[in-house]
């Protein structure tokens, strides 16, 4: 075999190739970060919804003690079982039918992630809305608040 030459092997990456590689790595990193954030958010909202749905079930049963047990220590200090049961009984006419989840939103603060759920009750001619707030405390989702209103806009943050 005469006249065959081996191709020259480059020793260095060209600057344009280096820029392309860096851009590619940055874009892949950003996409992975977005994907992981979305996955975590969806997972967290799912876990928070389990607690929120239990609270809504307790409202349907008029069981303030069970709802209080799902709360943070602060919520438990500010709410008594009897007080919650009384509040649930006052809402009895509006909450006769099971609600539908109308809206959910997540707010991240220095204290952690809180997921808010707004449920729509349609037992009356005018809908009634209940918002639950569920926060992740020490790896456990706990109720931090229950609010109700006939005006949904009063329950949504701007």
C-alpha atoms as a PDB file:
ATOM      1  CA  UNK A   1       0.000   0.000   0.000  1.00  0.00           C
ATOM      2  CA  UNK A   2       1.844   2.892  -1.227  1.00  0.00           C
ATOM      3  CA  UNK A   3       0.697   6.434  -1.186  1.00  0.00           C
ATOM      4  CA  UNK A   4      -1.803   6.049   1.650  1.00  0.00           C
ATOM      5  CA  UNK A   5      -1.702   8.847   4.123  1.00  0.00           C
ATOM      6  CA  UNK A   6      -3.254   8.906   7.497  1.00  0.00           C
ATOM      7  CA  UNK A   7      -5.640  11.758   8.217  1.00  0.00           C
ATOM      8  CA  UNK A   8      -4.182  14.369  10.485  1.00  0.00           C
ATOM      9  CA  UNK A   9      -5.502  14.263  13.996  1.00  0.00           C
ATOM     10  CA  UNK A  10      -6.418  17.582  15.524  1.00  0.00           C
ATOM     11  CA  UNK A  11      -5.067  18.278  18.940  1.00  0.00           C
ATOM     12  CA  UNK A  12      -7.260  21.225  19.896  1.00  0.00           C
ATOM     13  CA  UNK A  13     -10.939  22.136  19.715  1.00  0.00           C
ATOM     14  CA  UNK A  14     -11.713  25.096  17.544  1.00  0.00           C
ATOM     15  CA  UNK A  15     -13.096  28.154  19.375  1.00  0.00           C
ATOM     16  CA  UNK A  16     -16.399  27.958  17.460  1.00  0.00           C
ATOM     17  CA  UNK A  17     -16.806  24.316  18.488  1.00  0.00           C
ATOM     18  CA  UNK A  18     -16.092  25.212  22.100  1.00  0.00           C
ATOM     19  CA  UNK A  19     -18.743  27.953  22.027  1.00  0.00           C
ATOM     20  CA  UNK A  20     -21.237  25.500  20.507  1.00  0.00           C
ATOM     21  CA  UNK A  21     -20.501  22.879  23.186  1.00  0.00           C
ATOM     22  CA  UNK A  22     -20.845  25.414  25.990  1.00  0.00           C
ATOM     23  CA  UNK A  23     -24.146  26.711  24.585  1.00  0.00           C
ATOM     24  CA  UNK A  24     -25.437  23.159  24.186  1.00  0.00           C
ATOM     25  CA  UNK A  25     -24.544  22.241  27.781  1.00  0.00           C
ATOM     26  CA  UNK A  26     -26.168  25.439  29.122  1.00  0.00           C
ATOM     27  CA  UNK A  27     -29.398  24.847  27.149  1.00  0.00           C
ATOM     28  CA  UNK A  28     -29.592  21.200  28.247  1.00  0.00           C
ATOM     29  CA  UNK A  29     -28.946  22.264  31.847  1.00  0.00           C
ATOM     30  CA  UNK A  30     -31.715  24.871  31.730  1.00  0.00           C
ATOM     31  CA  UNK A  31     -34.170  22.415  30.184  1.00  0.00           C
ATOM     32  CA  UNK A  32     -33.354  19.819  32.839  1.00  0.00           C
ATOM     33  CA  UNK A  33     -33.836  22.421  35.567  1.00  0.00           C
ATOM     34  CA  UNK A  34     -37.245  23.387  34.146  1.00  0.00           C
ATOM     35  CA  UNK A  35     -38.256  19.727  33.818  1.00  0.00           C
ATOM     36  CA  UNK A  36     -37.200  18.909  37.384  1.00  0.00           C
ATOM     37  CA  UNK A  37     -38.977  22.010  38.738  1.00  0.00           C
ATOM     38  CA  UNK A  38     -42.205  21.105  36.919  1.00  0.00           C
ATOM     39  CA  UNK A  39     -41.999  17.497  38.074  1.00  0.00           C
ATOM     40  CA  UNK A  40     -41.358  18.557  41.685  1.00  0.00           C
ATOM     41  CA  UNK A  41     -44.178  21.090  41.563  1.00  0.00           C
ATOM     42  CA  UNK A  42     -46.627  18.519  40.180  1.00  0.00           C
ATOM     43  CA  UNK A  43     -45.570  15.971  42.806  1.00  0.00           C
ATOM     44  CA  UNK A  44     -45.839  18.516  45.636  1.00  0.00           C
ATOM     45  CA  UNK A  45     -49.266  19.690  44.459  1.00  0.00           C
ATOM     46  CA  UNK A  46     -50.427  16.078  44.368  1.00  0.00           C
ATOM     47  CA  UNK A  47     -49.291  15.417  47.931  1.00  0.00           C
ATOM     48  CA  UNK A  48     -50.806  18.685  49.129  1.00  0.00           C
ATOM     49  CA  UNK A  49     -54.091  17.869  47.401  1.00  0.00           C
ATOM     50  CA  UNK A  50     -54.432  14.655  49.401  1.00  0.00           C
ATOM     51  CA  UNK A  51     -54.448  16.708  52.620  1.00  0.00           C
ATOM     52  CA  UNK A  52     -56.751  19.353  51.132  1.00  0.00           C
ATOM     53  CA  UNK A  53     -59.233  16.723  49.932  1.00  0.00           C
ATOM     54  CA  UNK A  54     -59.262  15.226  53.432  1.00  0.00           C
ATOM     55  CA  UNK A  55     -60.145  18.669  54.830  1.00  0.00           C
ATOM     56  CA  UNK A  56     -62.967  19.031  52.293  1.00  0.00           C
ATOM     57  CA  UNK A  57     -64.192  15.559  53.278  1.00  0.00           C
ATOM     58  CA  UNK A  58     -64.103  16.637  56.949  1.00  0.00           C
ATOM     59  CA  UNK A  59     -66.175  19.699  56.060  1.00  0.00           C
ATOM     60  CA  UNK A  60     -68.722  17.422  54.370  1.00  0.00           C
ATOM     61  CA  UNK A  61     -68.827  15.255  57.537  1.00  0.00           C
ATOM     62  CA  UNK A  62     -68.912  18.370  59.803  1.00  0.00           C
ATOM     63  CA  UNK A  63     -65.881  16.959  61.650  1.00  0.00           C
ATOM     64  CA  UNK A  64     -63.822  19.864  62.969  1.00  0.00           C
ATOM     65  CA  UNK A  65     -61.590  17.600  65.047  1.00  0.00           C
ATOM     66  CA  UNK A  66     -60.378  15.652  62.028  1.00  0.00           C
ATOM     67  CA  UNK A  67     -59.715  18.854  60.062  1.00  0.00           C
ATOM     68  CA  UNK A  68     -57.868  20.390  63.026  1.00  0.00           C
ATOM     69  CA  UNK A  69     -55.675  17.277  63.297  1.00  0.00           C
ATOM     70  CA  UNK A  70     -54.425  17.928  59.745  1.00  0.00           C
ATOM     71  CA  UNK A  71     -53.249  21.434  60.680  1.00  0.00           C
ATOM     72  CA  UNK A  72     -49.932  22.952  61.610  1.00  0.00           C
ATOM     73  CA  UNK A  73     -49.303  23.651  65.306  1.00  0.00           C
ATOM     74  CA  UNK A  74     -50.125  27.316  64.622  1.00  0.00           C
ATOM     75  CA  UNK A  75     -53.430  26.353  62.984  1.00  0.00           C
ATOM     76  CA  UNK A  76     -54.235  24.028  65.870  1.00  0.00           C
ATOM     77  CA  UNK A  77     -53.538  26.806  68.405  1.00  0.00           C
ATOM     78  CA  UNK A  78     -55.859  29.235  66.643  1.00  0.00           C
ATOM     79  CA  UNK A  79     -58.661  26.737  65.910  1.00  0.00           C
ATOM     80  CA  UNK A  80     -60.611  24.488  68.223  1.00  0.00           C
ATOM     81  CA  UNK A  81     -62.365  21.317  67.142  1.00  0.00           C
ATOM     82  CA  UNK A  82     -65.676  22.712  68.377  1.00  0.00           C
ATOM     83  CA  UNK A  83     -65.110  26.029  66.571  1.00  0.00           C
ATOM     84  CA  UNK A  84     -64.348  24.299  63.274  1.00  0.00           C
ATOM     85  CA  UNK A  85     -67.325  21.947  63.662  1.00  0.00           C
ATOM     86  CA  UNK A  86     -69.564  24.959  64.326  1.00  0.00           C
ATOM     87  CA  UNK A  87     -68.200  26.738  61.239  1.00  0.00           C
ATOM     88  CA  UNK A  88     -68.753  23.625  59.123  1.00  0.00           C
ATOM     89  CA  UNK A  89     -72.352  23.349  60.381  1.00  0.00           C
ATOM     90  CA  UNK A  90     -72.992  26.999  59.430  1.00  0.00           C
ATOM     91  CA  UNK A  91     -71.913  26.118  55.887  1.00  0.00           C
ATOM     92  CA  UNK A  92     -74.050  22.985  55.775  1.00  0.00           C
ATOM     93  CA  UNK A  93     -76.626  24.273  53.284  1.00  0.00           C
ATOM     94  CA  UNK A  94     -73.959  25.526  50.881  1.00  0.00           C
ATOM     95  CA  UNK A  95     -71.845  22.386  51.179  1.00  0.00           C
ATOM     96  CA  UNK A  96     -74.504  19.683  50.785  1.00  0.00           C
ATOM     97  CA  UNK A  97     -73.154  18.568  47.412  1.00  0.00           C
ATOM     98  CA  UNK A  98     -69.524  17.537  47.023  1.00  0.00           C
ATOM     99  CA  UNK A  99     -67.445  20.334  45.489  1.00  0.00           C
ATOM    100  CA  UNK A 100     -65.302  20.396  42.388  1.00  0.00           C
ATOM    101  CA  UNK A 101     -61.736  21.660  42.457  1.00  0.00           C
ATOM    102  CA  UNK A 102     -61.949  25.013  40.709  1.00  0.00           C
ATOM    103  CA  UNK A 103     -58.413  26.322  40.964  1.00  0.00           C
ATOM    104  CA  UNK A 104     -55.044  25.630  42.524  1.00  0.00           C
ATOM    105  CA  UNK A 105     -51.933  27.734  42.804  1.00  0.00           C
ATOM    106  CA  UNK A 106     -48.554  27.465  44.467  1.00  0.00           C
ATOM    107  CA  UNK A 107     -46.659  30.168  46.306  1.00  0.00           C
ATOM    108  CA  UNK A 108     -43.031  29.712  47.325  1.00  0.00           C
ATOM    109  CA  UNK A 109     -41.750  31.855  50.185  1.00  0.00           C
ATOM    110  CA  UNK A 110     -38.822  31.789  52.588  1.00  0.00           C
ATOM    111  CA  UNK A 111     -41.031  29.698  54.919  1.00  0.00           C
ATOM    112  CA  UNK A 112     -41.570  27.029  52.271  1.00  0.00           C
ATOM    113  CA  UNK A 113     -44.048  26.042  49.597  1.00  0.00           C
ATOM    114  CA  UNK A 114     -47.776  26.556  50.131  1.00  0.00           C
ATOM    115  CA  UNK A 115     -50.384  25.134  47.788  1.00  0.00           C
ATOM    116  CA  UNK A 116     -53.805  26.789  47.698  1.00  0.00           C
ATOM    117  CA  UNK A 117     -56.900  24.964  46.477  1.00  0.00           C
ATOM    118  CA  UNK A 118     -60.225  26.603  45.701  1.00  0.00           C
ATOM    119  CA  UNK A 119     -63.243  24.322  45.673  1.00  0.00           C
ATOM    120  CA  UNK A 120     -66.589  25.309  44.166  1.00  0.00           C
ATOM    121  CA  UNK A 121     -69.817  24.198  45.836  1.00  0.00           C
ATOM    122  CA  UNK A 122     -72.968  24.358  43.720  1.00  0.00           C
ATOM    123  CA  UNK A 123     -75.703  23.229  46.147  1.00  0.00           C
ATOM    124  CA  UNK A 124     -77.240  26.725  46.096  1.00  0.00           C
ATOM    125  CA  UNK A 125     -78.143  28.983  43.179  1.00  0.00           C
ATOM    126  CA  UNK A 126     -75.124  31.112  44.037  1.00  0.00           C
ATOM    127  CA  UNK A 127     -71.899  29.097  44.190  1.00  0.00           C
ATOM    128  CA  UNK A 128     -69.896  29.040  47.382  1.00  0.00           C
ATOM    129  CA  UNK A 129     -66.099  28.730  47.366  1.00  0.00           C
ATOM    130  CA  UNK A 130     -63.754  27.341  49.966  1.00  0.00           C
ATOM    131  CA  UNK A 131     -60.000  27.831  49.817  1.00  0.00           C
ATOM    132  CA  UNK A 132     -57.648  25.571  51.705  1.00  0.00           C
ATOM    133  CA  UNK A 133     -53.993  26.389  52.256  1.00  0.00           C
ATOM    134  CA  UNK A 134     -51.618  23.463  52.713  1.00  0.00           C
ATOM    135  CA  UNK A 135     -47.925  23.934  53.556  1.00  0.00           C
ATOM    136  CA  UNK A 136     -44.998  21.545  53.605  1.00  0.00           C
ATOM    137  CA  UNK A 137     -43.663  21.568  57.166  1.00  0.00           C
ATOM    138  CA  UNK A 138     -40.728  19.268  57.937  1.00  0.00           C
ATOM    139  CA  UNK A 139     -41.512  17.016  54.988  1.00  0.00           C
ATOM    140  CA  UNK A 140     -45.191  16.717  55.868  1.00  0.00           C
ATOM    141  CA  UNK A 141     -48.092  18.578  54.246  1.00  0.00           C
ATOM    142  CA  UNK A 142     -50.290  20.328  56.811  1.00  0.00           C
ATOM    143  CA  UNK A 143     -53.313  22.603  56.718  1.00  0.00           C
ATOM    144  CA  UNK A 144     -52.580  26.253  57.474  1.00  0.00           C
ATOM    145  CA  UNK A 145     -55.968  27.803  56.732  1.00  0.00           C
ATOM    146  CA  UNK A 146     -59.549  27.461  55.546  1.00  0.00           C
ATOM    147  CA  UNK A 147     -61.404  30.406  54.043  1.00  0.00           C
ATOM    148  CA  UNK A 148     -64.819  30.600  52.415  1.00  0.00           C
ATOM    149  CA  UNK A 149     -66.662  33.202  50.361  1.00  0.00           C
ATOM    150  CA  UNK A 150     -69.366  33.531  47.703  1.00  0.00           C
ATOM    151  CA  UNK A 151     -66.959  35.706  45.707  1.00  0.00           C
ATOM    152  CA  UNK A 152     -64.124  33.605  44.313  1.00  0.00           C
ATOM    153  CA  UNK A 153     -62.054  36.686  43.544  1.00  0.00           C
ATOM    154  CA  UNK A 154     -61.705  37.326  47.295  1.00  0.00           C
ATOM    155  CA  UNK A 155     -59.914  33.990  47.616  1.00  0.00           C
ATOM    156  CA  UNK A 156     -57.436  34.468  44.757  1.00  0.00           C
ATOM    157  CA  UNK A 157     -54.200  36.370  45.278  1.00  0.00           C
ATOM    158  CA  UNK A 158     -53.238  39.083  42.831  1.00  0.00           C
END
